[in-house]
Amino acid sequence: MTGRCWTELRRPLRAVPVLEDVLTGYDDAHARDKSLYLSWLADSYLAAGEIEQATAITSRVLELSAGVASVRPRQRLAPILRQLSDHHGLPAVAEVLEKARA
């Protein structure tokens, strides 16, 4: 929750370490929750201008949330994907945008 709050306050330097620390021990079996928290991590990386990291995390969210019955992870990704589309010239970004459309 702390990482989410820092993300929403647009304080990525505070959010990223907290979210990364918590997520390293979070099992993929909790795909919905992990996807949601990863989306805040991607958002923080975007706020910090770390496009490649945001893209990698977004890709992971897409993978994890693919088999989840909840639509919330995908809804959380919508604004992140819109921001990433500004960088569609980067191959990794183009790939994740294509993955999101599929």
Protein backbone atom coordinates (compact mmCIF):
# COMPACT_ATOMS: atom_id res chain seq x y z
CA MET A 1 0.00 0.00 0.00
CA THR A 2 2.88 2.37 0.75
CA GLY A 3 4.24 1.99 -2.77
CA ARG A 4 0.81 2.62 -4.26
CA CYS A 5 0.48 5.81 -2.26
CA TRP A 6 3.89 7.09 -3.33
CA THR A 7 2.98 6.29 -6.93
CA GLU A 8 -0.29 8.21 -6.72
CA LEU A 9 1.58 11.13 -5.14
CA ARG A 10 3.95 11.04 -8.17
CA ARG A 11 6.98 10.25 -6.01
CA PRO A 12 8.64 7.47 -8.04
CA LEU A 13 11.96 7.59 -6.18
CA ARG A 14 10.08 6.57 -3.05
CA ALA A 15 7.62 4.21 -4.72
CA VAL A 16 9.95 2.07 -6.82
CA PRO A 17 12.14 0.61 -4.04
CA VAL A 18 9.12 -0.18 -1.85
CA LEU A 19 7.20 -1.86 -4.66
CA GLU A 20 10.22 -3.80 -5.93
CA ASP A 21 11.02 -5.03 -2.44
CA VAL A 22 7.50 -6.28 -1.80
CA LEU A 23 7.03 -7.79 -5.24
CA THR A 24 10.19 -9.89 -5.14
CA GLY A 25 8.58 -12.14 -2.55
CA TYR A 26 5.10 -12.11 -4.06
CA ASP A 27 4.17 -15.40 -5.70
CA ASP A 28 2.74 -15.47 -9.23
CA ALA A 29 -0.09 -17.64 -7.88
CA HIS A 30 -1.62 -14.34 -6.72
CA ALA A 31 -1.70 -13.10 -10.31
CA ARG A 32 -4.45 -10.50 -9.91
CA ASP A 33 -2.91 -8.76 -6.92
CA LYS A 34 0.61 -9.04 -8.27
CA SER A 35 -0.54 -7.59 -11.60
CA LEU A 36 -2.12 -4.65 -9.86
CA TYR A 37 0.96 -3.84 -7.80
CA LEU A 38 3.19 -4.28 -10.82
CA SER A 39 1.01 -1.74 -12.64
CA TRP A 40 1.83 0.82 -9.94
CA LEU A 41 5.49 -0.04 -10.38
CA ALA A 42 5.24 0.51 -14.14
CA ASP A 43 3.46 3.81 -13.50
CA SER A 44 6.26 4.92 -11.16
CA TYR A 45 8.91 4.00 -13.71
CA LEU A 46 7.05 6.08 -16.29
CA ALA A 47 6.88 9.03 -13.90
CA ALA A 48 10.64 8.71 -13.42
CA GLY A 49 11.20 8.70 -17.20
CA GLU A 50 12.41 5.09 -17.22
CA ILE A 51 10.60 3.97 -20.36
CA GLU A 52 12.43 0.66 -20.80
CA GLN A 53 11.73 -0.42 -17.22
CA ALA A 54 8.10 0.67 -17.47
CA THR A 55 7.80 -1.33 -20.68
CA ALA A 56 9.30 -4.48 -19.17
CA ILE A 57 7.00 -4.29 -16.15
CA THR A 58 3.97 -3.61 -18.35
CA SER A 59 4.81 -6.69 -20.39
CA ARG A 60 4.92 -8.73 -17.19
CA VAL A 61 1.52 -7.36 -16.12
CA LEU A 62 0.06 -8.38 -19.47
CA GLU A 63 1.41 -11.91 -19.04
CA LEU A 64 0.24 -12.30 -15.45
CA SER A 65 -3.20 -10.80 -15.96
CA ALA A 66 -4.00 -12.81 -19.11
CA GLY A 67 -5.63 -15.63 -17.18
CA VAL A 68 -7.22 -13.51 -14.47
CA ALA A 69 -11.00 -13.18 -14.32
CA SER A 70 -10.77 -9.60 -13.01
CA VAL A 71 -10.72 -6.69 -15.46
CA ARG A 72 -9.07 -4.37 -12.95
CA PRO A 73 -5.43 -5.09 -13.88
CA ARG A 74 -6.21 -4.34 -17.52
CA GLN A 75 -8.03 -1.14 -16.54
CA ARG A 76 -4.99 -0.04 -14.53
CA LEU A 77 -2.81 -0.59 -17.60
CA ALA A 78 -4.89 1.55 -19.97
CA PRO A 79 -3.34 4.92 -19.00
CA ILE A 80 0.12 3.36 -18.84
CA LEU A 81 -0.25 1.97 -22.35
CA ARG A 82 -1.44 5.39 -23.58
CA GLN A 83 1.68 7.00 -22.13
CA LEU A 84 3.90 4.30 -23.58
CA SER A 85 2.39 4.85 -27.03
CA ASP A 86 4.25 8.19 -27.12
CA HIS A 87 7.40 6.05 -27.34
CA HIS A 88 6.17 3.56 -29.95
CA GLY A 89 9.38 4.07 -31.94
CA LEU A 90 11.28 2.00 -29.37
CA PRO A 91 11.16 -1.69 -30.38
CA ALA A 92 10.33 -2.92 -26.86
CA VAL A 93 7.47 -0.44 -26.57
CA ALA A 94 6.10 -1.39 -29.99
CA GLU A 95 6.21 -5.03 -28.93
CA VAL A 96 4.34 -4.47 -25.66
CA LEU A 97 1.73 -2.31 -27.41
CA GLU A 98 1.18 -5.14 -29.90
CA LYS A 99 0.93 -7.64 -27.05
CA ALA A 100 -1.71 -5.44 -25.41
CA ARG A 101 -3.77 -5.34 -28.62
CA ALA A 102 -3.70 -9.14 -28.99
